[in-house]
């Protein structure tokens, strides 16, 4: 079982930056992928970004949703079992609850049903 705890959400103005973090605990972290999804009120859950995590390798794959490419950056800290999402140039349409997700597989995925473990979510609000 993997437990995920997100942090770093908040309310900001358009154009600002936020950094979300997700700390994982409770299981082996070799060959595990971690991703971020978001869900705005009345909308379906949307893929944001994901990163592969193969043991201590520094070679990891990353994926980004089209709406965040060039603005968001995902990274991981193997020593702290943590993944971060740096969000720059935030827009009002980025407003949503952001969820951290994880799964034991080799390649990151954009599909939410590929992830077995989910955090509780953290709210990000961007005002114009």
Foldseek 3Di string as FASTA:
>chain_A
DKAKAKDWADEEAAQAKIKMKIFIDDDDQAQKKKFKWWDDPPDDIFGAKIKTHHDPDPDIDMDGDPVQPPFKDWDDDVVRRMIMIIGGRDDQVVWTWMKMFMDRHGHDDRDPVRTDDIYPTDTHGYHD
